[in-house]
C-alpha cells in the first residue's frame, strides 16, 4: 500500500485520473531505470521516484489534445 506520497495529492497535482496516473508513473519508472530522477527522492524504487516527481510538479499529465 502506498503511504507516501498520498494518492489524493498525486491526483490533484497531476490533474489526471487514477488509471492515467498509474500508466504515466510506470512509463517514467521505466525511464528512471536508465537515468537519474529529477528530484531528490527518499527511496531508490523507480515507481516511488516517479510518483515523487509528480508530487514535486516535475512530471505533468498530457492529454491526447496536447500531444
N, C-alpha and C. Protein backbone atom coordinates (compact mmCIF):
# COMPACT_ATOMS: atom_id res chain seq x y z
N UNK A 1 0.84 -1.18 0.00
CA UNK A 1 0.00 0.00 0.00
C UNK A 1 0.88 1.24 0.00
N UNK A 2 0.51 2.19 -0.81
CA UNK A 2 1.27 3.42 -0.95
C UNK A 2 0.91 4.39 0.17
N UNK A 3 1.87 4.72 1.01
CA UNK A 3 1.62 5.64 2.11
C UNK A 3 2.10 7.06 1.76
N UNK A 4 3.20 7.14 1.06
CA UNK A 4 3.74 8.43 0.67
C UNK A 4 4.23 8.32 -0.75
N UNK A 5 3.94 9.23 -1.58
CA UNK A 5 3.05 10.37 -1.42
C UNK A 5 1.58 9.96 -1.45
N UNK A 6 0.72 10.71 -0.76
CA UNK A 6 -0.70 10.38 -0.70
C UNK A 6 -1.35 10.43 -2.09
N UNK A 7 -2.18 9.45 -2.40
CA UNK A 7 -2.79 9.35 -3.72
C UNK A 7 -3.65 10.56 -4.04
N UNK A 8 -4.34 11.11 -3.05
CA UNK A 8 -5.16 12.30 -3.29
C UNK A 8 -4.34 13.49 -3.76
N UNK A 9 -3.20 13.69 -3.13
CA UNK A 9 -2.31 14.79 -3.53
C UNK A 9 -1.74 14.55 -4.92
N UNK A 10 -1.41 13.30 -5.23
CA UNK A 10 -0.88 12.98 -6.56
C UNK A 10 -1.91 13.27 -7.64
N UNK A 11 -3.15 12.85 -7.41
CA UNK A 11 -4.20 13.08 -8.40
C UNK A 11 -4.46 14.57 -8.58
N UNK A 12 -4.47 15.30 -7.48
CA UNK A 12 -4.70 16.74 -7.55
C UNK A 12 -3.56 17.44 -8.29
N UNK A 13 -2.34 17.07 -7.98
CA UNK A 13 -1.16 17.71 -8.57
C UNK A 13 -1.04 17.39 -10.06
N UNK A 14 -1.36 16.15 -10.45
CA UNK A 14 -1.19 15.75 -11.84
C UNK A 14 -2.35 16.17 -12.72
N UNK A 15 -3.53 16.30 -12.14
CA UNK A 15 -4.71 16.62 -12.94
C UNK A 15 -5.20 15.43 -13.75
N UNK A 16 -4.72 14.25 -13.44
CA UNK A 16 -5.07 13.04 -14.18
C UNK A 16 -5.99 12.16 -13.35
N UNK A 17 -6.61 11.21 -14.02
CA UNK A 17 -7.41 10.20 -13.32
C UNK A 17 -6.47 9.10 -12.83
N UNK A 18 -6.98 8.21 -11.98
CA UNK A 18 -6.15 7.18 -11.36
C UNK A 18 -5.42 6.33 -12.40
N UNK A 19 -6.15 5.83 -13.39
CA UNK A 19 -5.55 4.95 -14.39
C UNK A 19 -4.43 5.68 -15.14
N UNK A 20 -4.69 6.91 -15.54
CA UNK A 20 -3.70 7.68 -16.28
C UNK A 20 -2.47 7.94 -15.43
N UNK A 21 -2.67 8.24 -14.17
CA UNK A 21 -1.55 8.47 -13.26
C UNK A 21 -0.68 7.22 -13.14
N UNK A 22 -1.31 6.07 -13.03
CA UNK A 22 -0.57 4.81 -12.91
C UNK A 22 0.24 4.54 -14.17
N UNK A 23 -0.37 4.73 -15.34
CA UNK A 23 0.33 4.48 -16.61
C UNK A 23 1.51 5.44 -16.76
N UNK A 24 1.29 6.72 -16.50
CA UNK A 24 2.37 7.70 -16.64
C UNK A 24 3.50 7.45 -15.64
N UNK A 25 3.16 7.08 -14.42
CA UNK A 25 4.19 6.78 -13.43
C UNK A 25 4.98 5.54 -13.83
N UNK A 26 4.31 4.54 -14.38
CA UNK A 26 5.00 3.33 -14.83
C UNK A 26 5.95 3.63 -15.98
N UNK A 27 5.51 4.46 -16.92
CA UNK A 27 6.38 4.83 -18.04
C UNK A 27 7.61 5.59 -17.54
N UNK A 28 7.39 6.51 -16.61
CA UNK A 28 8.51 7.29 -16.07
C UNK A 28 9.44 6.39 -15.26
N UNK A 29 8.88 5.43 -14.55
CA UNK A 29 9.70 4.50 -13.77
C UNK A 29 10.62 3.71 -14.69
N UNK A 30 10.12 3.31 -15.85
CA UNK A 30 10.97 2.61 -16.82
C UNK A 30 12.10 3.51 -17.29
N UNK A 31 11.80 4.79 -17.51
CA UNK A 31 12.85 5.74 -17.91
C UNK A 31 13.88 5.90 -16.80
N UNK A 32 13.42 5.92 -15.55
CA UNK A 32 14.33 6.12 -14.42
C UNK A 32 15.28 4.95 -14.21
N UNK A 33 14.94 3.80 -14.74
CA UNK A 33 15.87 2.67 -14.65
C UNK A 33 17.16 2.96 -15.39
N UNK A 34 17.10 3.86 -16.39
CA UNK A 34 18.26 4.18 -17.21
C UNK A 34 18.87 5.55 -16.90
N UNK A 35 18.20 6.35 -16.08
CA UNK A 35 18.71 7.69 -15.78
C UNK A 35 18.40 8.07 -14.34
N UNK A 36 18.85 9.24 -13.94
CA UNK A 36 18.64 9.72 -12.58
C UNK A 36 17.33 10.48 -12.47
N UNK A 37 16.67 10.44 -11.31
CA UNK A 37 15.45 11.23 -11.11
C UNK A 37 15.76 12.72 -11.11
N UNK A 38 14.75 13.54 -11.42
CA UNK A 38 14.97 14.98 -11.47
C UNK A 38 14.72 15.66 -10.12
N UNK A 39 14.29 14.90 -9.13
CA UNK A 39 14.12 15.43 -7.77
C UNK A 39 14.85 14.52 -6.80
N UNK A 40 15.22 15.07 -5.64
CA UNK A 40 15.82 14.23 -4.60
C UNK A 40 14.74 13.33 -4.03
N UNK A 41 14.97 12.03 -4.09
CA UNK A 41 13.95 11.08 -3.68
C UNK A 41 14.37 10.37 -2.40
N UNK A 42 13.37 9.95 -1.63
CA UNK A 42 13.62 9.27 -0.37
C UNK A 42 13.91 7.79 -0.55
N UNK A 43 13.65 7.26 -1.72
CA UNK A 43 13.80 5.84 -1.96
C UNK A 43 14.51 5.60 -3.29
N UNK A 44 14.94 4.39 -3.50
CA UNK A 44 15.60 4.05 -4.75
C UNK A 44 14.67 3.32 -5.71
N UNK A 45 13.42 3.13 -5.31
CA UNK A 45 12.47 2.43 -6.16
C UNK A 45 11.98 3.37 -7.27
N UNK A 46 12.09 2.95 -8.53
CA UNK A 46 11.73 3.83 -9.65
C UNK A 46 10.28 4.31 -9.64
N UNK A 47 9.34 3.45 -9.27
CA UNK A 47 7.93 3.88 -9.25
C UNK A 47 7.72 4.94 -8.18
N UNK A 48 8.30 4.75 -7.01
CA UNK A 48 8.18 5.75 -5.94
C UNK A 48 8.83 7.06 -6.37
N UNK A 49 9.97 6.98 -7.04
CA UNK A 49 10.63 8.18 -7.52
C UNK A 49 9.77 8.91 -8.55
N UNK A 50 9.13 8.17 -9.44
CA UNK A 50 8.25 8.78 -10.44
C UNK A 50 7.09 9.49 -9.76
N UNK A 51 6.52 8.88 -8.74
CA UNK A 51 5.40 9.50 -8.02
C UNK A 51 5.86 10.73 -7.25
N UNK A 52 7.08 10.71 -6.73
CA UNK A 52 7.61 11.89 -6.06
C UNK A 52 7.82 13.02 -7.07
N UNK A 53 8.20 12.69 -8.30
CA UNK A 53 8.33 13.70 -9.35
C UNK A 53 6.97 14.32 -9.66
N UNK A 54 5.92 13.51 -9.67
CA UNK A 54 4.57 14.04 -9.88
C UNK A 54 4.23 15.02 -8.78
N UNK A 55 4.48 14.63 -7.54
CA UNK A 55 4.17 15.48 -6.39
C UNK A 55 4.97 16.78 -6.43
N UNK A 56 6.20 16.71 -6.92
CA UNK A 56 7.05 17.90 -7.00
C UNK A 56 6.69 18.78 -8.20
N UNK A 57 5.79 18.31 -9.05
CA UNK A 57 5.39 19.08 -10.22
C UNK A 57 6.32 18.92 -11.41
N UNK A 58 7.21 17.95 -11.37
CA UNK A 58 8.16 17.72 -12.46
C UNK A 58 7.61 16.81 -13.56
N UNK A 59 6.60 16.03 -13.24
CA UNK A 59 6.01 15.11 -14.21
C UNK A 59 4.56 15.53 -14.39
N UNK A 60 4.24 16.04 -15.56
CA UNK A 60 2.91 16.59 -15.83
C UNK A 60 2.11 15.64 -16.72
N UNK A 61 0.81 15.65 -16.50
CA UNK A 61 -0.12 14.88 -17.31
C UNK A 61 -0.34 15.60 -18.63
N UNK A 62 -0.24 14.86 -19.75
CA UNK A 62 -0.53 15.42 -21.06
C UNK A 62 -1.76 14.72 -21.61
N UNK A 63 -2.77 15.49 -21.93
CA UNK A 63 -3.96 14.89 -22.52
C UNK A 63 -3.69 14.61 -23.99
N UNK A 64 -4.55 13.85 -24.61
CA UNK A 64 -4.40 13.50 -26.03
C UNK A 64 -4.41 14.76 -26.87
N UNK A 65 -5.17 15.76 -26.49
CA UNK A 65 -5.25 17.01 -27.24
C UNK A 65 -3.93 17.78 -27.21
N UNK A 66 -3.14 17.63 -26.16
CA UNK A 66 -1.88 18.36 -26.01
C UNK A 66 -0.75 17.74 -26.81
N UNK A 67 -0.87 16.49 -27.19
CA UNK A 67 0.23 15.80 -27.89
C UNK A 67 0.25 16.08 -29.32
